Amino acid sequence: MFEITILVASLGLILATVSFISGLQAVKIRGSVDTRIHRLNGYLMFLAYLFLAGLSFVKGGINLSSIASWGTGLAIILTKIWVVKSGRAYKFGSWLGIMLIITWLIIVYTYIPI
């Protein structure tokens, strides 16, 4: 049976990976097409993350481990946004970008409702 959550989670992982790669290029050249692609990937990935978290709470119920895991992933995403907005992307952007991929691999695939 087709599950939309698996499709959205897989697209989110792809977007996080592409965002990581385009983010490395965007740090070097501001205002480029790579920067716009990176920003679009980030917005789509963030929306997919919120969609999956909402579905997880609706289908699986609200428990402490689920809240802690989805909250940790959201904190990583928001920290990455803060680092980029504060101008520290060149120093810390790659570490947080790879943490987004790890977030998708661990948190999302552990707590997506099937």
N, C-alpha and C. Protein backbone atom coordinates (compact mmCIF):
# COMPACT_ATOMS: atom_id res chain seq x y z
N MET A 1 0.83 -1.18 0.00
CA MET A 1 0.00 0.00 0.00
C MET A 1 0.88 1.25 0.00
N PHE A 2 0.44 2.24 -0.73
CA PHE A 2 1.19 3.49 -0.86
C PHE A 2 1.05 4.33 0.41
N GLU A 3 2.16 4.74 0.95
CA GLU A 3 2.17 5.59 2.14
C GLU A 3 2.78 6.95 1.79
N ILE A 4 2.01 8.00 1.99
CA ILE A 4 2.49 9.35 1.69
C ILE A 4 3.62 9.76 2.62
N THR A 5 3.62 9.22 3.84
CA THR A 5 4.66 9.61 4.80
C THR A 5 6.04 9.13 4.34
N ILE A 6 6.12 7.96 3.76
CA ILE A 6 7.41 7.45 3.27
C ILE A 6 7.89 8.31 2.11
N LEU A 7 6.97 8.69 1.23
CA LEU A 7 7.33 9.53 0.10
C LEU A 7 7.82 10.90 0.57
N VAL A 8 7.12 11.52 1.51
CA VAL A 8 7.51 12.84 2.01
C VAL A 8 8.84 12.73 2.76
N ALA A 9 9.02 11.68 3.56
CA ALA A 9 10.29 11.51 4.28
C ALA A 9 11.45 11.30 3.31
N SER A 10 11.24 10.55 2.26
CA SER A 10 12.30 10.33 1.27
C SER A 10 12.63 11.62 0.52
N LEU A 11 11.60 12.37 0.14
CA LEU A 11 11.83 13.66 -0.51
C LEU A 11 12.54 14.62 0.43
N GLY A 12 12.18 14.59 1.70
CA GLY A 12 12.85 15.44 2.68
C GLY A 12 14.32 15.10 2.82
N LEU A 13 14.65 13.82 2.82
CA LEU A 13 16.06 13.41 2.89
C LEU A 13 16.81 13.86 1.64
N ILE A 14 16.19 13.73 0.49
CA ILE A 14 16.82 14.20 -0.75
C ILE A 14 17.02 15.71 -0.69
N LEU A 15 16.00 16.44 -0.24
CA LEU A 15 16.12 17.90 -0.14
C LEU A 15 17.19 18.30 0.86
N ALA A 16 17.29 17.59 1.99
CA ALA A 16 18.33 17.91 2.97
C ALA A 16 19.72 17.67 2.38
N THR A 17 19.88 16.61 1.61
CA THR A 17 21.17 16.31 0.99
C THR A 17 21.52 17.35 -0.07
N VAL A 18 20.56 17.67 -0.92
CA VAL A 18 20.80 18.68 -1.95
C VAL A 18 21.03 20.05 -1.32
N SER A 19 20.31 20.34 -0.25
CA SER A 19 20.50 21.61 0.45
C SER A 19 21.90 21.69 1.05
N PHE A 20 22.40 20.59 1.57
CA PHE A 20 23.75 20.56 2.11
C PHE A 20 24.77 20.85 1.01
N ILE A 21 24.62 20.21 -0.13
CA ILE A 21 25.57 20.40 -1.23
C ILE A 21 25.47 21.82 -1.79
N SER A 22 24.26 22.30 -2.02
CA SER A 22 24.11 23.66 -2.57
C SER A 22 24.50 24.71 -1.53
N GLY A 23 24.35 24.38 -0.26
CA GLY A 23 24.77 25.32 0.79
C GLY A 23 26.26 25.54 0.81
N LEU A 24 27.02 24.49 0.52
CA LEU A 24 28.48 24.65 0.44
C LEU A 24 28.87 25.59 -0.69
N GLN A 25 28.12 25.54 -1.79
CA GLN A 25 28.38 26.45 -2.91
C GLN A 25 27.87 27.86 -2.60
N ALA A 26 26.75 27.94 -1.88
CA ALA A 26 26.14 29.25 -1.59
C ALA A 26 27.00 30.07 -0.65
N VAL A 27 27.77 29.41 0.22
CA VAL A 27 28.64 30.14 1.14
C VAL A 27 29.71 30.89 0.36
N LYS A 28 30.19 30.30 -0.72
CA LYS A 28 31.26 30.91 -1.50
C LYS A 28 30.76 32.10 -2.32
N ILE A 29 29.58 31.99 -2.90
CA ILE A 29 29.07 33.01 -3.81
C ILE A 29 27.68 33.44 -3.34
N ARG A 30 27.60 34.60 -2.74
CA ARG A 30 26.30 35.09 -2.27
C ARG A 30 25.50 35.68 -3.44
N GLY A 31 24.19 35.48 -3.40
CA GLY A 31 23.32 36.02 -4.42
C GLY A 31 23.30 35.21 -5.71
N SER A 32 23.87 34.02 -5.68
CA SER A 32 23.91 33.21 -6.89
C SER A 32 22.64 32.36 -7.00
N VAL A 33 22.55 31.64 -8.08
CA VAL A 33 21.43 30.72 -8.28
C VAL A 33 21.49 29.62 -7.23
N ASP A 34 22.71 29.19 -6.86
CA ASP A 34 22.85 28.17 -5.83
C ASP A 34 22.25 28.63 -4.50
N THR A 35 22.38 29.90 -4.20
CA THR A 35 21.81 30.43 -2.97
C THR A 35 20.29 30.34 -3.00
N ARG A 36 19.70 30.68 -4.12
CA ARG A 36 18.23 30.59 -4.23
C ARG A 36 17.75 29.14 -4.19
N ILE A 37 18.48 28.25 -4.84
CA ILE A 37 18.13 26.83 -4.79
C ILE A 37 18.25 26.31 -3.37
N HIS A 38 19.32 26.70 -2.69
CA HIS A 38 19.52 26.29 -1.30
C HIS A 38 18.38 26.77 -0.40
N ARG A 39 17.98 28.00 -0.59
CA ARG A 39 16.89 28.56 0.22
C ARG A 39 15.57 27.84 -0.06
N LEU A 40 15.28 27.59 -1.33
CA LEU A 40 14.05 26.86 -1.69
C LEU A 40 14.07 25.44 -1.11
N ASN A 41 15.20 24.75 -1.23
CA ASN A 41 15.32 23.42 -0.64
C ASN A 41 15.10 23.46 0.86
N GLY A 42 15.63 24.48 1.50
CA GLY A 42 15.46 24.62 2.94
C GLY A 42 14.01 24.82 3.33
N TYR A 43 13.30 25.67 2.62
CA TYR A 43 11.89 25.90 2.92
C TYR A 43 11.06 24.63 2.71
N LEU A 44 11.30 23.94 1.60
CA LEU A 44 10.55 22.72 1.32
C LEU A 44 10.86 21.63 2.34
N MET A 45 12.13 21.52 2.72
CA MET A 45 12.52 20.53 3.72
C MET A 45 11.90 20.84 5.08
N PHE A 46 11.86 22.11 5.44
CA PHE A 46 11.26 22.52 6.71
C PHE A 46 9.76 22.23 6.72
N LEU A 47 9.08 22.50 5.62
CA LEU A 47 7.65 22.19 5.53
C LEU A 47 7.41 20.68 5.60
N ALA A 48 8.25 19.90 4.93
CA ALA A 48 8.11 18.44 4.99
C ALA A 48 8.33 17.94 6.41
N TYR A 49 9.30 18.53 7.11
CA TYR A 49 9.58 18.14 8.49
C TYR A 49 8.37 18.43 9.39
N LEU A 50 7.80 19.62 9.25
CA LEU A 50 6.63 19.98 10.06
C LEU A 50 5.43 19.09 9.72
N PHE A 51 5.26 18.77 8.45
CA PHE A 51 4.17 17.89 8.02
C PHE A 51 4.31 16.50 8.65
N LEU A 52 5.53 15.96 8.61
CA LEU A 52 5.76 14.63 9.18
C LEU A 52 5.63 14.64 10.70
N ALA A 53 6.09 15.70 11.33
CA ALA A 53 5.94 15.79 12.79
C ALA A 53 4.47 15.85 13.17
N GLY A 54 3.69 16.64 12.43
CA GLY A 54 2.26 16.72 12.69
C GLY A 54 1.56 15.39 12.50
N LEU A 55 1.89 14.70 11.41
CA LEU A 55 1.31 13.37 11.18
C LEU A 55 1.71 12.38 12.26
N SER A 56 2.93 12.50 12.72
CA SER A 56 3.39 11.60 13.78
C SER A 56 2.59 11.80 15.05
N PHE A 57 2.32 13.04 15.39
CA PHE A 57 1.54 13.31 16.60
C PHE A 57 0.08 12.91 16.43
N VAL A 58 -0.46 13.10 15.23
CA VAL A 58 -1.87 12.75 15.00
C VAL A 58 -2.06 11.23 14.99
N LYS A 59 -1.19 10.53 14.25
CA LYS A 59 -1.36 9.08 14.12
C LYS A 59 -0.81 8.29 15.31
N GLY A 60 0.33 8.70 15.83
CA GLY A 60 0.99 7.93 16.87
C GLY A 60 0.73 8.41 18.28
N GLY A 61 0.07 9.53 18.43
CA GLY A 61 -0.15 10.06 19.76
C GLY A 61 1.04 10.89 20.23
N ILE A 62 0.81 11.58 21.30
CA ILE A 62 1.85 12.45 21.85
C ILE A 62 2.46 11.75 23.06
N ASN A 63 3.75 11.44 22.96
CA ASN A 63 4.47 10.90 24.10
C ASN A 63 5.79 11.64 24.24
N LEU A 64 6.46 11.46 25.36
CA LEU A 64 7.64 12.25 25.69
C LEU A 64 8.79 12.02 24.71
N SER A 65 9.04 10.78 24.33
CA SER A 65 10.16 10.52 23.42
C SER A 65 9.90 11.11 22.03
N SER A 66 8.67 11.07 21.59
CA SER A 66 8.33 11.65 20.29
C SER A 66 8.50 13.16 20.31
N ILE A 67 8.02 13.79 21.36
CA ILE A 67 8.17 15.25 21.49
C ILE A 67 9.64 15.64 21.57
N ALA A 68 10.41 14.89 22.36
CA ALA A 68 11.84 15.20 22.50
C ALA A 68 12.58 15.03 21.17
N SER A 69 12.27 13.99 20.44
CA SER A 69 12.96 13.75 19.17
C SER A 69 12.61 14.78 18.11
N TRP A 70 11.32 15.01 17.91
CA TRP A 70 10.91 16.00 16.91
C TRP A 70 11.37 17.40 17.33
N GLY A 71 11.35 17.68 18.63
CA GLY A 71 11.83 18.98 19.11
C GLY A 71 13.32 19.16 18.90
N THR A 72 14.09 18.09 19.08
CA THR A 72 15.53 18.16 18.83
C THR A 72 15.81 18.44 17.36
N GLY A 73 15.11 17.76 16.48
CA GLY A 73 15.27 18.02 15.05
C GLY A 73 14.91 19.45 14.68
N LEU A 74 13.82 19.95 15.26
CA LEU A 74 13.42 21.34 15.01
C LEU A 74 14.47 22.31 15.55
N ALA A 75 15.05 21.99 16.70
CA ALA A 75 16.10 22.85 17.25
C ALA A 75 17.32 22.88 16.35
N ILE A 76 17.67 21.75 15.75
CA ILE A 76 18.81 21.71 14.82
C ILE A 76 18.52 22.56 13.59
N ILE A 77 17.31 22.46 13.07
CA ILE A 77 16.93 23.27 11.90
C ILE A 77 16.97 24.75 12.23
N LEU A 78 16.39 25.13 13.36
CA LEU A 78 16.37 26.54 13.75
C LEU A 78 17.76 27.07 14.07
N THR A 79 18.62 26.22 14.65
CA THR A 79 20.00 26.62 14.92
C THR A 79 20.75 26.87 13.62
N LYS A 80 20.52 26.03 12.62
CA LYS A 80 21.16 26.23 11.33
C LYS A 80 20.72 27.55 10.70
N ILE A 81 19.42 27.84 10.79
CA ILE A 81 18.92 29.11 10.25
C ILE A 81 19.56 30.29 10.98
N TRP A 82 19.67 30.19 12.30
CA TRP A 82 20.27 31.26 13.10
C TRP A 82 21.74 31.46 12.73
N VAL A 83 22.48 30.36 12.57
CA VAL A 83 23.90 30.45 12.22
C VAL A 83 24.08 31.13 10.88
N VAL A 84 23.25 30.77 9.91
CA VAL A 84 23.36 31.38 8.58
C VAL A 84 23.00 32.85 8.63
N LYS A 85 21.92 33.19 9.34
CA LYS A 85 21.50 34.60 9.43
C LYS A 85 22.52 35.45 10.18
N SER A 86 23.24 34.86 11.13
CA SER A 86 24.21 35.63 11.91
C SER A 86 25.55 35.78 11.20
N GLY A 87 25.72 35.18 10.04
CA GLY A 87 26.94 35.35 9.26
C GLY A 87 28.04 34.35 9.60
N ARG A 88 27.72 33.30 10.32
CA ARG A 88 28.72 32.30 10.69
C ARG A 88 28.63 31.05 9.82
N ALA A 89 28.00 31.16 8.68
CA ALA A 89 27.76 29.99 7.83
C ALA A 89 29.07 29.40 7.33
N TYR A 90 30.05 30.23 7.07
CA TYR A 90 31.31 29.72 6.53
C TYR A 90 32.01 28.82 7.54
N LYS A 91 31.86 29.14 8.83
CA LYS A 91 32.54 28.38 9.87
C LYS A 91 31.76 27.15 10.32
N PHE A 92 30.44 27.28 10.50
CA PHE A 92 29.66 26.21 11.10
C PHE A 92 28.61 25.59 10.18
N GLY A 93 28.42 26.14 8.99
CA GLY A 93 27.34 25.69 8.10
C GLY A 93 27.43 24.23 7.69
N SER A 94 28.64 23.76 7.40
CA SER A 94 28.75 22.38 6.95
C SER A 94 28.45 21.38 8.06
N TRP A 95 28.82 21.72 9.30
CA TRP A 95 28.52 20.83 10.42
C TRP A 95 27.01 20.73 10.63
N LEU A 96 26.34 21.86 10.59
CA LEU A 96 24.89 21.83 10.79
C LEU A 96 24.18 21.23 9.60
N GLY A 97 24.72 21.40 8.41
CA GLY A 97 24.12 20.79 7.23
C GLY A 97 24.15 19.27 7.30
N ILE A 98 25.27 18.73 7.74
CA ILE A 98 25.35 17.28 7.86
C ILE A 98 24.48 16.79 9.01
N MET A 99 24.29 17.62 10.03
CA MET A 99 23.39 17.24 11.13
C MET A 99 21.94 17.17 10.65
N LEU A 100 21.58 17.99 9.66
CA LEU A 100 20.23 17.89 9.09
C LEU A 100 20.02 16.54 8.41
N ILE A 101 21.04 16.08 7.70
CA ILE A 101 20.93 14.77 7.06
C ILE A 101 20.81 13.68 8.12
N ILE A 102 21.60 13.78 9.18
CA ILE A 102 21.51 12.80 10.27
C ILE A 102 20.14 12.87 10.93
N THR A 103 19.59 14.08 11.07
CA THR A 103 18.25 14.23 11.63
C THR A 103 17.23 13.47 10.80
N TRP A 104 17.33 13.59 9.49
CA TRP A 104 16.39 12.87 8.62
C TRP A 104 16.59 11.38 8.74
N LEU A 105 17.81 10.93 8.85
CA LEU A 105 18.06 9.49 8.92
C LEU A 105 17.62 8.88 10.24
N ILE A 106 17.80 9.59 11.33
CA ILE A 106 17.49 9.02 12.64
C ILE A 106 16.09 9.39 13.11
N ILE A 107 15.83 10.67 13.25
CA ILE A 107 14.56 11.09 13.86
C ILE A 107 13.38 10.82 12.95
N VAL A 108 13.47 11.26 11.72
CA VAL A 108 12.32 11.15 10.83
C VAL A 108 11.99 9.69 10.55
N TYR A 109 12.98 8.89 10.20
CA TYR A 109 12.68 7.51 9.86
C TYR A 109 12.35 6.65 11.08
N THR A 110 12.67 7.13 12.29
CA THR A 110 12.28 6.41 13.49
C THR A 110 10.84 6.71 13.87
N TYR A 111 10.41 7.95 13.70
CA TYR A 111 9.11 8.36 14.22
C TYR A 111 8.05 8.62 13.17
N ILE A 112 8.32 8.33 11.88
CA ILE A 112 7.24 8.54 10.90
C ILE A 112 6.17 7.47 11.11
N PRO A 113 4.93 7.89 11.04
CA PRO A 113 3.85 6.92 11.20
C PRO A 113 3.62 6.14 9.90
N ILE A 114 3.62 4.85 9.98
CA ILE A 114 3.40 4.03 8.78
C ILE A 114 2.06 3.34 8.91
